[in-house]
Amino acid sequence: MNTFLAAFVIILLAVTAMAIGVIFGRSAIKGSCGGLNQVGLSGSCGGA
């Protein structure tokens, strides 16, 4: 039971932190198009 409560509190804190980020208008996490292009793999950004 203690493990469940600890996990619940950790998840609750993570969700709260993400909600605070949205409330304050921080931009969302964005992917990088340069990673796959640097190694020669084609990606969704029009790779090699």
PDB file of N, CA and C in Angstrom:
ATOM      1  N   MET A   1       0.824  -1.189   0.000  1.00  0.00           N
ATOM      2  CA  MET A   1       0.000   0.000   0.000  1.00  0.00           C
ATOM      3  C   MET A   1       0.867   1.251   0.000  1.00  0.00           C
ATOM      4  N   ASN A   2       1.983   1.205   0.737  1.00  0.00           N
ATOM      5  CA  ASN A   2       2.872   2.364   0.770  1.00  0.00           C
ATOM      6  C   ASN A   2       3.485   2.640  -0.599  1.00  0.00           C
ATOM      7  N   THR A   3       3.793   1.579  -1.331  1.00  0.00           N
ATOM      8  CA  THR A   3       4.357   1.748  -2.670  1.00  0.00           C
ATOM      9  C   THR A   3       3.348   2.410  -3.591  1.00  0.00           C
ATOM     10  N   PHE A   4       2.094   1.988  -3.499  1.00  0.00           N
ATOM     11  CA  PHE A   4       1.042   2.584  -4.318  1.00  0.00           C
ATOM     12  C   PHE A   4       0.895   4.064  -4.009  1.00  0.00           C
ATOM     13  N   LEU A   5       0.863   4.422  -2.749  1.00  0.00           N
ATOM     14  CA  LEU A   5       0.716   5.827  -2.373  1.00  0.00           C
ATOM     15  C   LEU A   5       1.910   6.656  -2.834  1.00  0.00           C
ATOM     16  N   ALA A   6       3.109   6.115  -2.706  1.00  0.00           N
ATOM     17  CA  ALA A   6       4.300   6.839  -3.153  1.00  0.00           C
ATOM     18  C   ALA A   6       4.266   7.059  -4.663  1.00  0.00           C
ATOM     19  N   ALA A   7       3.894   6.029  -5.415  1.00  0.00           N
ATOM     20  CA  ALA A   7       3.806   6.161  -6.868  1.00  0.00           C
ATOM     21  C   ALA A   7       2.724   7.159  -7.257  1.00  0.00           C
ATOM     22  N   PHE A   8       1.599   7.123  -6.565  1.00  0.00           N
ATOM     23  CA  PHE A   8       0.507   8.050  -6.851  1.00  0.00           C
ATOM     24  C   PHE A   8       0.934   9.490  -6.609  1.00  0.00           C
ATOM     25  N   VAL A   9       1.632   9.736  -5.523  1.00  0.00           N
ATOM     26  CA  VAL A   9       2.092  11.091  -5.200  1.00  0.00           C
ATOM     27  C   VAL A   9       3.101  11.573  -6.237  1.00  0.00           C
ATOM     28  N   ILE A  10       4.006  10.705  -6.662  1.00  0.00           N
ATOM     29  CA  ILE A  10       5.003  11.096  -7.665  1.00  0.00           C
ATOM     30  C   ILE A  10       4.332  11.447  -8.989  1.00  0.00           C
ATOM     31  N   ILE A  11       3.378  10.631  -9.414  1.00  0.00           N
ATOM     32  CA  ILE A  11       2.665  10.907 -10.660  1.00  0.00           C
ATOM     33  C   ILE A  11       1.848  12.181 -10.530  1.00  0.00           C
ATOM     34  N   LEU A  12       1.209  12.379  -9.393  1.00  0.00           N
ATOM     35  CA  LEU A  12       0.428  13.592  -9.163  1.00  0.00           C
ATOM     36  C   LEU A  12       1.311  14.832  -9.232  1.00  0.00           C
ATOM     37  N   LEU A  13       2.496  14.768  -8.655  1.00  0.00           N
ATOM     38  CA  LEU A  13       3.421  15.902  -8.716  1.00  0.00           C
ATOM     39  C   LEU A  13       3.878  16.171 -10.147  1.00  0.00           C
ATOM     40  N   ALA A  14       4.127  15.124 -10.912  1.00  0.00           N
ATOM     41  CA  ALA A  14       4.552  15.296 -12.301  1.00  0.00           C
ATOM     42  C   ALA A  14       3.450  15.944 -13.136  1.00  0.00           C
ATOM     43  N   VAL A  15       2.220  15.488 -12.971  1.00  0.00           N
ATOM     44  CA  VAL A  15       1.099  16.061 -13.713  1.00  0.00           C
ATOM     45  C   VAL A  15       0.887  17.518 -13.311  1.00  0.00           C
ATOM     46  N   THR A  16       0.999  17.805 -12.026  1.00  0.00           N
ATOM     47  CA  THR A  16       0.849  19.177 -11.547  1.00  0.00           C
ATOM     48  C   THR A  16       1.929  20.079 -12.132  1.00  0.00           C
ATOM     49  N   ALA A  17       3.161  19.604 -12.180  1.00  0.00           N
ATOM     50  CA  ALA A  17       4.251  20.401 -12.750  1.00  0.00           C
ATOM     51  C   ALA A  17       4.012  20.685 -14.229  1.00  0.00           C
ATOM     52  N   MET A  18       3.515  19.690 -14.968  1.00  0.00           N
ATOM     53  CA  MET A  18       3.217  19.911 -16.383  1.00  0.00           C
ATOM     54  C   MET A  18       2.072  20.893 -16.551  1.00  0.00           C
ATOM     55  N   ALA A  19       1.060  20.815 -15.690  1.00  0.00           N
ATOM     56  CA  ALA A  19      -0.069  21.739 -15.770  1.00  0.00           C
ATOM     57  C   ALA A  19       0.377  23.165 -15.480  1.00  0.00           C
ATOM     58  N   ILE A  20       1.263  23.333 -14.517  1.00  0.00           N
ATOM     59  CA  ILE A  20       1.768  24.670 -14.210  1.00  0.00           C
ATOM     60  C   ILE A  20       2.534  25.223 -15.410  1.00  0.00           C
ATOM     61  N   GLY A  21       3.294  24.385 -16.098  1.00  0.00           N
ATOM     62  CA  GLY A  21       3.998  24.819 -17.300  1.00  0.00           C
ATOM     63  C   GLY A  21       3.044  25.285 -18.381  1.00  0.00           C
ATOM     64  N   VAL A  22       1.928  24.593 -18.546  1.00  0.00           N
ATOM     65  CA  VAL A  22       0.934  24.991 -19.543  1.00  0.00           C
ATOM     66  C   VAL A  22       0.261  26.294 -19.131  1.00  0.00           C
ATOM     67  N   ILE A  23      -0.061  26.429 -17.856  1.00  0.00           N
ATOM     68  CA  ILE A  23      -0.729  27.636 -17.366  1.00  0.00           C
ATOM     69  C   ILE A  23       0.141  28.863 -17.601  1.00  0.00           C
ATOM     70  N   PHE A  24       1.443  28.750 -17.381  1.00  0.00           N
ATOM     71  CA  PHE A  24       2.341  29.886 -17.561  1.00  0.00           C
ATOM     72  C   PHE A  24       2.755  30.081 -19.013  1.00  0.00           C
ATOM     73  N   GLY A  25       2.228  29.283 -19.928  1.00  0.00           N
ATOM     74  CA  GLY A  25       2.422  29.497 -21.356  1.00  0.00           C
ATOM     75  C   GLY A  25       3.770  29.087 -21.901  1.00  0.00           C
ATOM     76  N   ARG A  26       4.438  28.147 -21.257  1.00  0.00           N
ATOM     77  CA  ARG A  26       5.703  27.671 -21.810  1.00  0.00           C
ATOM     78  C   ARG A  26       5.417  26.890 -23.079  1.00  0.00           C
ATOM     79  N   SER A  27       6.334  26.973 -24.033  1.00  0.00           N
ATOM     80  CA  SER A  27       6.127  26.261 -25.285  1.00  0.00           C
ATOM     81  C   SER A  27       6.265  24.752 -25.072  1.00  0.00           C
ATOM     82  N   ALA A  28       5.602  24.011 -25.910  1.00  0.00           N
ATOM     83  CA  ALA A  28       5.622  22.555 -25.804  1.00  0.00           C
ATOM     84  C   ALA A  28       6.980  22.011 -26.225  1.00  0.00           C
ATOM     85  N   ILE A  29       7.273  20.801 -25.802  1.00  0.00           N
ATOM     86  CA  ILE A  29       8.514  20.147 -26.205  1.00  0.00           C
ATOM     87  C   ILE A  29       8.428  19.837 -27.697  1.00  0.00           C
ATOM     88  N   LYS A  30       9.462  20.206 -28.435  1.00  0.00           N
ATOM     89  CA  LYS A  30       9.464  20.002 -29.881  1.00  0.00           C
ATOM     90  C   LYS A  30      10.575  19.037 -30.261  1.00  0.00           C
ATOM     91  N   GLY A  31      10.310  18.256 -31.280  1.00  0.00           N
ATOM     92  CA  GLY A  31      11.317  17.332 -31.771  1.00  0.00           C
ATOM     93  C   GLY A  31      12.356  18.039 -32.626  1.00  0.00           C
ATOM     94  N   SER A  32      13.431  17.361 -32.909  1.00  0.00           N
ATOM     95  CA  SER A  32      14.499  17.906 -33.738  1.00  0.00           C
ATOM     96  C   SER A  32      14.508  17.195 -35.075  1.00  0.00           C
ATOM     97  N   CYS A  33      14.617  17.957 -36.143  1.00  0.00           N
ATOM     98  CA  CYS A  33      14.712  17.352 -37.468  1.00  0.00           C
ATOM     99  C   CYS A  33      16.154  17.078 -37.848  1.00  0.00           C
ATOM    100  N   GLY A  34      17.105  17.645 -37.149  1.00  0.00           N
ATOM    101  CA  GLY A  34      18.504  17.504 -37.522  1.00  0.00           C
ATOM    102  C   GLY A  34      19.118  16.166 -37.162  1.00  0.00           C
ATOM    103  N   GLY A  35      18.574  15.477 -36.186  1.00  0.00           N
ATOM    104  CA  GLY A  35      19.183  14.245 -35.716  1.00  0.00           C
ATOM    105  C   GLY A  35      19.266  13.159 -36.773  1.00  0.00           C
ATOM    106  N   LEU A  36      18.162  12.842 -37.428  1.00  0.00           N
ATOM    107  CA  LEU A  36      18.167  11.790 -38.441  1.00  0.00           C
ATOM    108  C   LEU A  36      18.882  12.236 -39.702  1.00  0.00           C
ATOM    109  N   ASN A  37      18.805  13.519 -40.036  1.00  0.00           N
ATOM    110  CA  ASN A  37      19.464  14.006 -41.240  1.00  0.00           C
ATOM    111  C   ASN A  37      20.977  13.942 -41.114  1.00  0.00           C
ATOM    112  N   GLN A  38      21.496  14.069 -39.920  1.00  0.00           N
ATOM    113  CA  GLN A  38      22.941  14.044 -39.717  1.00  0.00           C
ATOM    114  C   GLN A  38      23.535  12.660 -39.971  1.00  0.00           C
ATOM    115  N   VAL A  39      22.763  11.607 -39.770  1.00  0.00           N
ATOM    116  CA  VAL A  39      23.273  10.252 -39.985  1.00  0.00           C
ATOM    117  C   VAL A  39      22.826   9.668 -41.322  1.00  0.00           C
ATOM    118  N   GLY A  40      22.133  10.453 -42.135  1.00  0.00           N
ATOM    119  CA  GLY A  40      21.758  10.016 -43.475  1.00  0.00           C
ATOM    120  C   GLY A  40      20.451   9.259 -43.560  1.00  0.00           C
ATOM    121  N   LEU A  41      19.665   9.236 -42.503  1.00  0.00           N
ATOM    122  CA  LEU A  41      18.368   8.564 -42.546  1.00  0.00           C
ATOM    123  C   LEU A  41      17.299   9.574 -42.909  1.00  0.00           C
ATOM    124  N   SER A  42      16.359   9.158 -43.722  1.00  0.00           N
ATOM    125  CA  SER A  42      15.285  10.077 -44.073  1.00  0.00           C
ATOM    126  C   SER A  42      14.246  10.085 -42.965  1.00  0.00           C
ATOM    127  N   GLY A  43      13.785  11.255 -42.629  1.00  0.00           N
ATOM    128  CA  GLY A  43      12.777  11.410 -41.591  1.00  0.00           C
ATOM    129  C   GLY A  43      11.589  12.169 -42.135  1.00  0.00           C
ATOM    130  N   SER A  44      10.759  12.656 -41.273  1.00  0.00           N
ATOM    131  CA  SER A  44       9.574  13.388 -41.687  1.00  0.00           C
ATOM    132  C   SER A  44       9.903  14.815 -42.092  1.00  0.00           C
ATOM    133  N   CYS A  45      11.168  15.204 -42.030  1.00  0.00           N
ATOM    134  CA  CYS A  45      11.572  16.567 -42.360  1.00  0.00           C
ATOM    135  C   CYS A  45      12.223  16.646 -43.731  1.00  0.00           C
ATOM    136  N   GLY A  46      12.043  15.644 -44.559  1.00  0.00           N
ATOM    137  CA  GLY A  46      12.638  15.656 -45.893  1.00  0.00           C
ATOM    138  C   GLY A  46      14.110  15.316 -45.867  1.00  0.00           C
ATOM    139  N   GLY A  47      14.438  14.181 -45.310  1.00  0.00           N
ATOM    140  CA  GLY A  47      15.835  13.774 -45.129  1.00  0.00           C
ATOM    141  C   GLY A  47      16.568  13.477 -46.421  1.00  0.00           C
ATOM    142  N   ALA A  48      17.714  12.847 -46.314  1.00  0.00           N
ATOM    143  CA  ALA A  48      18.631  12.623 -47.432  1.00  0.00           C
ATOM    144  C   ALA A  48      18.052  11.734 -48.498  1.00  0.00           C
TER     145      ALA A  48
END
